[in-house]
Amino acid sequence: MVKDGLAKGTRLKHLKMLLSLDRLLKKDWSDVSGDDIDILIRRIMDNYGNTKGKETETSRDHKKYSRFSLDGTN
């Protein structure tokens, strides 16, 4: 029972993260270029990094999920 709850929660987190990345990217994923990746990372740090430009847990997660989305891996 707990195992099913964790799996649904994990799936929900993944979907929310992909939605967030999609909103930041504002472009079709199949048309993404290297410059688009730079812009996406800059937007992630602007929105989720701390005031000194350092990494936060949220910015780290967004970068991690963007890498998975772009690589096509799980």
PDB file of N, CA and C in Angstrom:
ATOM      1  N   MET A   1       0.821  -1.182   0.000  1.00  0.00           N
ATOM      2  CA  MET A   1       0.000   0.000   0.000  1.00  0.00           C
ATOM      3  C   MET A   1       0.879   1.266   0.000  1.00  0.00           C
ATOM      4  N   VAL A   2       1.888   1.301   0.820  1.00  0.00           N
ATOM      5  CA  VAL A   2       2.790   2.440   0.854  1.00  0.00           C
ATOM      6  C   VAL A   2       3.561   2.543  -0.455  1.00  0.00           C
ATOM      7  N   LYS A   3       3.927   1.385  -1.002  1.00  0.00           N
ATOM      8  CA  LYS A   3       4.675   1.361  -2.253  1.00  0.00           C
ATOM      9  C   LYS A   3       3.895   2.044  -3.374  1.00  0.00           C
ATOM     10  N   ASP A   4       2.584   1.792  -3.454  1.00  0.00           N
ATOM     11  CA  ASP A   4       1.760   2.427  -4.482  1.00  0.00           C
ATOM     12  C   ASP A   4       1.674   3.929  -4.266  1.00  0.00           C
ATOM     13  N   GLY A   5       1.572   4.374  -3.021  1.00  0.00           N
ATOM     14  CA  GLY A   5       1.483   5.801  -2.724  1.00  0.00           C
ATOM     15  C   GLY A   5       2.749   6.534  -3.123  1.00  0.00           C
ATOM     16  N   LEU A   6       3.896   5.939  -2.868  1.00  0.00           N
ATOM     17  CA  LEU A   6       5.154   6.573  -3.253  1.00  0.00           C
ATOM     18  C   LEU A   6       5.287   6.655  -4.763  1.00  0.00           C
ATOM     19  N   ALA A   7       4.856   5.624  -5.453  1.00  0.00           N
ATOM     20  CA  ALA A   7       4.967   5.622  -6.909  1.00  0.00           C
ATOM     21  C   ALA A   7       4.095   6.718  -7.511  1.00  0.00           C
ATOM     22  N   LYS A   8       2.891   6.897  -6.996  1.00  0.00           N
ATOM     23  CA  LYS A   8       2.001   7.941  -7.521  1.00  0.00           C
ATOM     24  C   LYS A   8       2.566   9.325  -7.199  1.00  0.00           C
ATOM     25  N   GLY A   9       3.094   9.474  -6.009  1.00  0.00           N
ATOM     26  CA  GLY A   9       3.694  10.749  -5.628  1.00  0.00           C
ATOM     27  C   GLY A   9       4.900  11.095  -6.475  1.00  0.00           C
ATOM     28  N   THR A  10       5.700  10.094  -6.769  1.00  0.00           N
ATOM     29  CA  THR A  10       6.876  10.301  -7.620  1.00  0.00           C
ATOM     30  C   THR A  10       6.459  10.672  -9.033  1.00  0.00           C
ATOM     31  N   ARG A  11       5.459   9.989  -9.551  1.00  0.00           N
ATOM     32  CA  ARG A  11       4.973  10.310 -10.893  1.00  0.00           C
ATOM     33  C   ARG A  11       4.414  11.732 -10.947  1.00  0.00           C
ATOM     34  N   LEU A  12       3.704  12.122  -9.910  1.00  0.00           N
ATOM     35  CA  LEU A  12       3.160  13.476  -9.855  1.00  0.00           C
ATOM     36  C   LEU A  12       4.278  14.515  -9.831  1.00  0.00           C
ATOM     37  N   LYS A  13       5.327  14.244  -9.064  1.00  0.00           N
ATOM     38  CA  LYS A  13       6.469  15.170  -9.019  1.00  0.00           C
ATOM     39  C   LYS A  13       7.122  15.291 -10.388  1.00  0.00           C
ATOM     40  N   HIS A  14       7.296  14.175 -11.065  1.00  0.00           N
ATOM     41  CA  HIS A  14       7.897  14.195 -12.403  1.00  0.00           C
ATOM     42  C   HIS A  14       7.041  15.007 -13.374  1.00  0.00           C
ATOM     43  N   LEU A  15       5.737  14.800 -13.341  1.00  0.00           N
ATOM     44  CA  LEU A  15       4.852  15.526 -14.253  1.00  0.00           C
ATOM     45  C   LEU A  15       4.842  17.025 -13.953  1.00  0.00           C
ATOM     46  N   LYS A  16       4.843  17.378 -12.672  1.00  0.00           N
ATOM     47  CA  LYS A  16       4.874  18.796 -12.311  1.00  0.00           C
ATOM     48  C   LYS A  16       6.189  19.439 -12.734  1.00  0.00           C
ATOM     49  N   MET A  17       7.266  18.719 -12.594  1.00  0.00           N
ATOM     50  CA  MET A  17       8.565  19.248 -12.990  1.00  0.00           C
ATOM     51  C   MET A  17       8.630  19.439 -14.506  1.00  0.00           C
ATOM     52  N   LEU A  18       8.114  18.478 -15.263  1.00  0.00           N
ATOM     53  CA  LEU A  18       8.098  18.612 -16.721  1.00  0.00           C
ATOM     54  C   LEU A  18       7.214  19.773 -17.161  1.00  0.00           C
ATOM     55  N   LEU A  19       6.094  19.967 -16.485  1.00  0.00           N
ATOM     56  CA  LEU A  19       5.226  21.096 -16.795  1.00  0.00           C
ATOM     57  C   LEU A  19       5.944  22.416 -16.510  1.00  0.00           C
ATOM     58  N   SER A  20       6.638  22.477 -15.400  1.00  0.00           N
ATOM     59  CA  SER A  20       7.389  23.671 -15.047  1.00  0.00           C
ATOM     60  C   SER A  20       8.479  23.962 -16.082  1.00  0.00           C
ATOM     61  N   LEU A  21       9.201  22.933 -16.491  1.00  0.00           N
ATOM     62  CA  LEU A  21      10.246  23.108 -17.509  1.00  0.00           C
ATOM     63  C   LEU A  21       9.648  23.546 -18.840  1.00  0.00           C
ATOM     64  N   ASP A  22       8.508  22.980 -19.185  1.00  0.00           N
ATOM     65  CA  ASP A  22       7.854  23.336 -20.431  1.00  0.00           C
ATOM     66  C   ASP A  22       7.443  24.810 -20.426  1.00  0.00           C
ATOM     67  N   ARG A  23       6.963  25.274 -19.294  1.00  0.00           N
ATOM     68  CA  ARG A  23       6.575  26.690 -19.176  1.00  0.00           C
ATOM     69  C   ARG A  23       7.797  27.605 -19.246  1.00  0.00           C
ATOM     70  N   LEU A  24       8.909  27.159 -18.708  1.00  0.00           N
ATOM     71  CA  LEU A  24      10.135  27.963 -18.780  1.00  0.00           C
ATOM     72  C   LEU A  24      10.717  27.978 -20.187  1.00  0.00           C
ATOM     73  N   LEU A  25      10.632  26.851 -20.870  1.00  0.00           N
ATOM     74  CA  LEU A  25      11.223  26.733 -22.206  1.00  0.00           C
ATOM     75  C   LEU A  25      10.440  27.515 -23.257  1.00  0.00           C
ATOM     76  N   LYS A  26       9.123  27.433 -23.195  1.00  0.00           N
ATOM     77  CA  LYS A  26       8.240  28.137 -24.137  1.00  0.00           C
ATOM     78  C   LYS A  26       8.532  27.767 -25.589  1.00  0.00           C
ATOM     79  N   LYS A  27       8.825  26.486 -25.806  1.00  0.00           N
ATOM     80  CA  LYS A  27       9.154  26.015 -27.152  1.00  0.00           C
ATOM     81  C   LYS A  27       8.906  24.513 -27.213  1.00  0.00           C
ATOM     82  N   ASP A  28       8.683  23.999 -28.406  1.00  0.00           N
ATOM     83  CA  ASP A  28       8.508  22.568 -28.581  1.00  0.00           C
ATOM     84  C   ASP A  28       9.829  21.863 -28.293  1.00  0.00           C
ATOM     85  N   TRP A  29       9.790  20.788 -27.531  1.00  0.00           N
ATOM     86  CA  TRP A  29      11.013  20.105 -27.105  1.00  0.00           C
ATOM     87  C   TRP A  29      11.790  19.518 -28.279  1.00  0.00           C
ATOM     88  N   SER A  30      11.107  19.186 -29.343  1.00  0.00           N
ATOM     89  CA  SER A  30      11.815  18.592 -30.495  1.00  0.00           C
ATOM     90  C   SER A  30      12.605  19.637 -31.283  1.00  0.00           C
ATOM     91  N   ASP A  31      12.319  20.926 -31.051  1.00  0.00           N
ATOM     92  CA  ASP A  31      13.001  22.004 -31.771  1.00  0.00           C
ATOM     93  C   ASP A  31      14.051  22.718 -30.928  1.00  0.00           C
ATOM     94  N   VAL A  32      14.459  22.127 -29.822  1.00  0.00           N
ATOM     95  CA  VAL A  32      15.378  22.781 -28.887  1.00  0.00           C
ATOM     96  C   VAL A  32      16.803  22.762 -29.437  1.00  0.00           C
ATOM     97  N   SER A  33      17.471  23.908 -29.347  1.00  0.00           N
ATOM     98  CA  SER A  33      18.866  24.026 -29.777  1.00  0.00           C
ATOM     99  C   SER A  33      19.757  24.267 -28.562  1.00  0.00           C
ATOM    100  N   GLY A  34      21.035  24.347 -28.789  1.00  0.00           N
ATOM    101  CA  GLY A  34      21.979  24.609 -27.701  1.00  0.00           C
ATOM    102  C   GLY A  34      21.743  25.958 -27.045  1.00  0.00           C
ATOM    103  N   ASP A  35      21.392  26.960 -27.847  1.00  0.00           N
ATOM    104  CA  ASP A  35      21.101  28.281 -27.296  1.00  0.00           C
ATOM    105  C   ASP A  35      19.850  28.241 -26.417  1.00  0.00           C
ATOM    106  N   ASP A  36      18.864  27.430 -26.820  1.00  0.00           N
ATOM    107  CA  ASP A  36      17.645  27.292 -26.018  1.00  0.00           C
ATOM    108  C   ASP A  36      17.953  26.676 -24.655  1.00  0.00           C
ATOM    109  N   ILE A  37      18.909  25.748 -24.629  1.00  0.00           N
ATOM    110  CA  ILE A  37      19.304  25.119 -23.366  1.00  0.00           C
ATOM    111  C   ILE A  37      19.936  26.159 -22.453  1.00  0.00           C
ATOM    112  N   ASP A  38      20.798  26.998 -23.010  1.00  0.00           N
ATOM    113  CA  ASP A  38      21.418  28.058 -22.213  1.00  0.00           C
ATOM    114  C   ASP A  38      20.366  29.002 -21.634  1.00  0.00           C
ATOM    115  N   ILE A  39      19.384  29.351 -22.449  1.00  0.00           N
ATOM    116  CA  ILE A  39      18.311  30.227 -21.991  1.00  0.00           C
ATOM    117  C   ILE A  39      17.497  29.552 -20.899  1.00  0.00           C
ATOM    118  N   LEU A  40      17.215  28.263 -21.074  1.00  0.00           N
ATOM    119  CA  LEU A  40      16.453  27.511 -20.071  1.00  0.00           C
ATOM    120  C   LEU A  40      17.191  27.477 -18.738  1.00  0.00           C
ATOM    121  N   ILE A  41      18.476  27.186 -18.767  1.00  0.00           N
ATOM    122  CA  ILE A  41      19.266  27.134 -17.526  1.00  0.00           C
ATOM    123  C   ILE A  41      19.314  28.508 -16.872  1.00  0.00           C
ATOM    124  N   ARG A  42      19.448  29.541 -17.679  1.00  0.00           N
ATOM    125  CA  ARG A  42      19.448  30.914 -17.139  1.00  0.00           C
ATOM    126  C   ARG A  42      18.108  31.229 -16.471  1.00  0.00           C
ATOM    127  N   ARG A  43      17.016  30.828 -17.104  1.00  0.00           N
ATOM    128  CA  ARG A  43      15.688  31.062 -16.516  1.00  0.00           C
ATOM    129  C   ARG A  43      15.507  30.274 -15.224  1.00  0.00           C
ATOM    130  N   ILE A  44      16.018  29.045 -15.203  1.00  0.00           N
ATOM    131  CA  ILE A  44      15.934  28.241 -13.975  1.00  0.00           C
ATOM    132  C   ILE A  44      16.662  28.940 -12.841  1.00  0.00           C
ATOM    133  N   MET A  45      17.868  29.420 -13.120  1.00  0.00           N
ATOM    134  CA  MET A  45      18.640  30.084 -12.061  1.00  0.00           C
ATOM    135  C   MET A  45      18.007  31.414 -11.659  1.00  0.00           C
ATOM    136  N   ASP A  46      17.442  32.144 -12.616  1.00  0.00           N
ATOM    137  CA  ASP A  46      16.772  33.398 -12.279  1.00  0.00           C
ATOM    138  C   ASP A  46      15.542  33.161 -11.404  1.00  0.00           C
ATOM    139  N   ASN A  47      14.806  32.105 -11.711  1.00  0.00           N
ATOM    140  CA  ASN A  47      13.569  31.841 -10.980  1.00  0.00           C
ATOM    141  C   ASN A  47      13.788  31.090  -9.672  1.00  0.00           C
ATOM    142  N   TYR A  48      14.743  30.166  -9.641  1.00  0.00           N
ATOM    143  CA  TYR A  48      14.856  29.263  -8.502  1.00  0.00           C
ATOM    144  C   TYR A  48      16.190  29.329  -7.765  1.00  0.00           C
ATOM    145  N   GLY A  49      17.178  30.003  -8.312  1.00  0.00           N
ATOM    146  CA  GLY A  49      18.451  30.155  -7.611  1.00  0.00           C
ATOM    147  C   GLY A  49      18.303  31.179  -6.486  1.00  0.00           C
ATOM    148  N   ASN A  50      19.239  31.190  -5.561  1.00  0.00           N
ATOM    149  CA  ASN A  50      19.134  32.183  -4.493  1.00  0.00           C
ATOM    150  C   ASN A  50      19.611  33.541  -4.997  1.00  0.00           C
ATOM    151  N   THR A  51      19.531  34.546  -4.168  1.00  0.00           N
ATOM    152  CA  THR A  51      19.833  35.915  -4.593  1.00  0.00           C
ATOM    153  C   THR A  51      21.292  36.107  -4.992  1.00  0.00           C
ATOM    154  N   LYS A  52      22.170  35.242  -4.518  1.00  0.00           N
ATOM    155  CA  LYS A  52      23.588  35.336  -4.869  1.00  0.00           C
ATOM    156  C   LYS A  52      23.939  34.488  -6.090  1.00  0.00           C
ATOM    157  N   GLY A  53      22.926  33.879  -6.709  1.00  0.00           N
ATOM    158  CA  GLY A  53      23.152  33.075  -7.904  1.00  0.00           C
ATOM    159  C   GLY A  53      23.613  31.658  -7.621  1.00  0.00           C
ATOM    160  N   LYS A  54      23.523  31.250  -6.354  1.00  0.00           N
ATOM    161  CA  LYS A  54      23.955  29.897  -6.016  1.00  0.00           C
ATOM    162  C   LYS A  54      22.818  28.897  -6.220  1.00  0.00           C
ATOM    163  N   GLU A  55      23.205  27.656  -6.345  1.00  0.00           N
ATOM    164  CA  GLU A  55      22.287  26.552  -6.564  1.00  0.00           C
ATOM    165  C   GLU A  55      21.394  26.329  -5.342  1.00  0.00           C
ATOM    166  N   THR A  56      20.119  26.057  -5.588  1.00  0.00           N
ATOM    167  CA  THR A  56      19.205  25.628  -4.538  1.00  0.00           C
ATOM    168  C   THR A  56      18.733  24.219  -4.885  1.00  0.00           C
ATOM    169  N   GLU A  57      18.031  23.590  -3.975  1.00  0.00           N
ATOM    170  CA  GLU A  57      17.516  22.241  -4.257  1.00  0.00           C
ATOM    171  C   GLU A  57      16.563  22.270  -5.454  1.00  0.00           C
ATOM    172  N   THR A  58      15.734  23.297  -5.519  1.00  0.00           N
ATOM    173  CA  THR A  58      14.773  23.399  -6.623  1.00  0.00           C
ATOM    174  C   THR A  58      15.478  23.619  -7.954  1.00  0.00           C
ATOM    175  N   SER A  59      16.471  24.494  -7.985  1.00  0.00           N
ATOM    176  CA  SER A  59      17.185  24.717  -9.248  1.00  0.00           C
ATOM    177  C   SER A  59      17.948  23.465  -9.658  1.00  0.00           C
ATOM    178  N   ARG A  60      18.501  22.753  -8.686  1.00  0.00           N
ATOM    179  CA  ARG A  60      19.208  21.502  -8.987  1.00  0.00           C
ATOM    180  C   ARG A  60      18.243  20.479  -9.576  1.00  0.00           C
ATOM    181  N   ASP A  61      17.055  20.353  -8.984  1.00  0.00           N
ATOM    182  CA  ASP A  61      16.065  19.408  -9.502  1.00  0.00           C
ATOM    183  C   ASP A  61      15.624  19.775 -10.916  1.00  0.00           C
ATOM    184  N   HIS A  62      15.395  21.061 -11.165  1.00  0.00           N
ATOM    185  CA  HIS A  62      14.986  21.479 -12.503  1.00  0.00           C
ATOM    186  C   HIS A  62      16.071  21.159 -13.537  1.00  0.00           C
ATOM    187  N   LYS A  63      17.309  21.403 -13.191  1.00  0.00           N
ATOM    188  CA  LYS A  63      18.401  21.088 -14.117  1.00  0.00           C
ATOM    189  C   LYS A  63      18.488  19.585 -14.360  1.00  0.00           C
ATOM    190  N   LYS A  64      18.324  18.816 -13.294  1.00  0.00           N
ATOM    191  CA  LYS A  64      18.394  17.362 -13.417  1.00  0.00           C
ATOM    192  C   LYS A  64      17.286  16.846 -14.336  1.00  0.00           C
ATOM    193  N   TYR A  65      16.074  17.330 -14.153  1.00  0.00           N
ATOM    194  CA  TYR A  65      14.960  16.882 -14.982  1.00  0.00           C
ATOM    195  C   TYR A  65      15.089  17.381 -16.407  1.00  0.00           C
ATOM    196  N   SER A  66      15.658  18.566 -16.610  1.00  0.00           N
ATOM    197  CA  SER A  66      15.829  19.049 -17.979  1.00  0.00           C
ATOM    198  C   SER A  66      16.831  18.165 -18.723  1.00  0.00           C
ATOM    199  N   ARG A  67      17.847  17.713 -18.026  1.00  0.00           N
ATOM    200  CA  ARG A  67      18.824  16.819 -18.656  1.00  0.00           C
ATOM    201  C   ARG A  67      18.159  15.512 -19.072  1.00  0.00           C
ATOM    202  N   PHE A  68      17.313  14.963 -18.194  1.00  0.00           N
ATOM    203  CA  PHE A  68      16.602  13.721 -18.532  1.00  0.00           C
ATOM    204  C   PHE A  68      15.652  13.934 -19.707  1.00  0.00           C
ATOM    205  N   SER A  69      14.984  15.064 -19.742  1.00  0.00           N
ATOM    206  CA  SER A  69      14.033  15.335 -20.815  1.00  0.00           C
ATOM    207  C   SER A  69      14.744  15.491 -22.152  1.00  0.00           C
ATOM    208  N   LEU A  70      15.899  16.122 -22.128  1.00  0.00           N
ATOM    209  CA  LEU A  70      16.616  16.355 -23.372  1.00  0.00           C
ATOM    210  C   LEU A  70      17.351  15.119 -23.856  1.00  0.00           C
ATOM    211  N   ASP A  71      17.819  14.286 -22.919  1.00  0.00           N
ATOM    212  CA  ASP A  71      18.502  13.048 -23.301  1.00  0.00           C
ATOM    213  C   ASP A  71      17.537  11.983 -23.750  1.00  0.00           C
ATOM    214  N   GLY A  72      16.282  12.084 -23.285  1.00  0.00           N
ATOM    215  CA  GLY A  72      15.313  11.047 -23.582  1.00  0.00           C
ATOM    216  C   GLY A  72      15.479   9.830 -22.704  1.00  0.00           C
ATOM    217  N   THR A  73      16.188   9.987 -21.570  1.00  0.00           N
ATOM    218  CA  THR A  73      16.372   8.876 -20.653  1.00  0.00           C
ATOM    219  C   THR A  73      15.415   9.025 -19.490  1.00  0.00           C
ATOM    220  N   ASN A  74      15.334   7.996 -18.670  1.00  0.00           N
ATOM    221  CA  ASN A  74      14.409   8.014 -17.526  1.00  0.00           C
ATOM    222  C   ASN A  74      15.079   8.619 -16.343  1.00  0.00           C
TER     223      ASN A  74
END
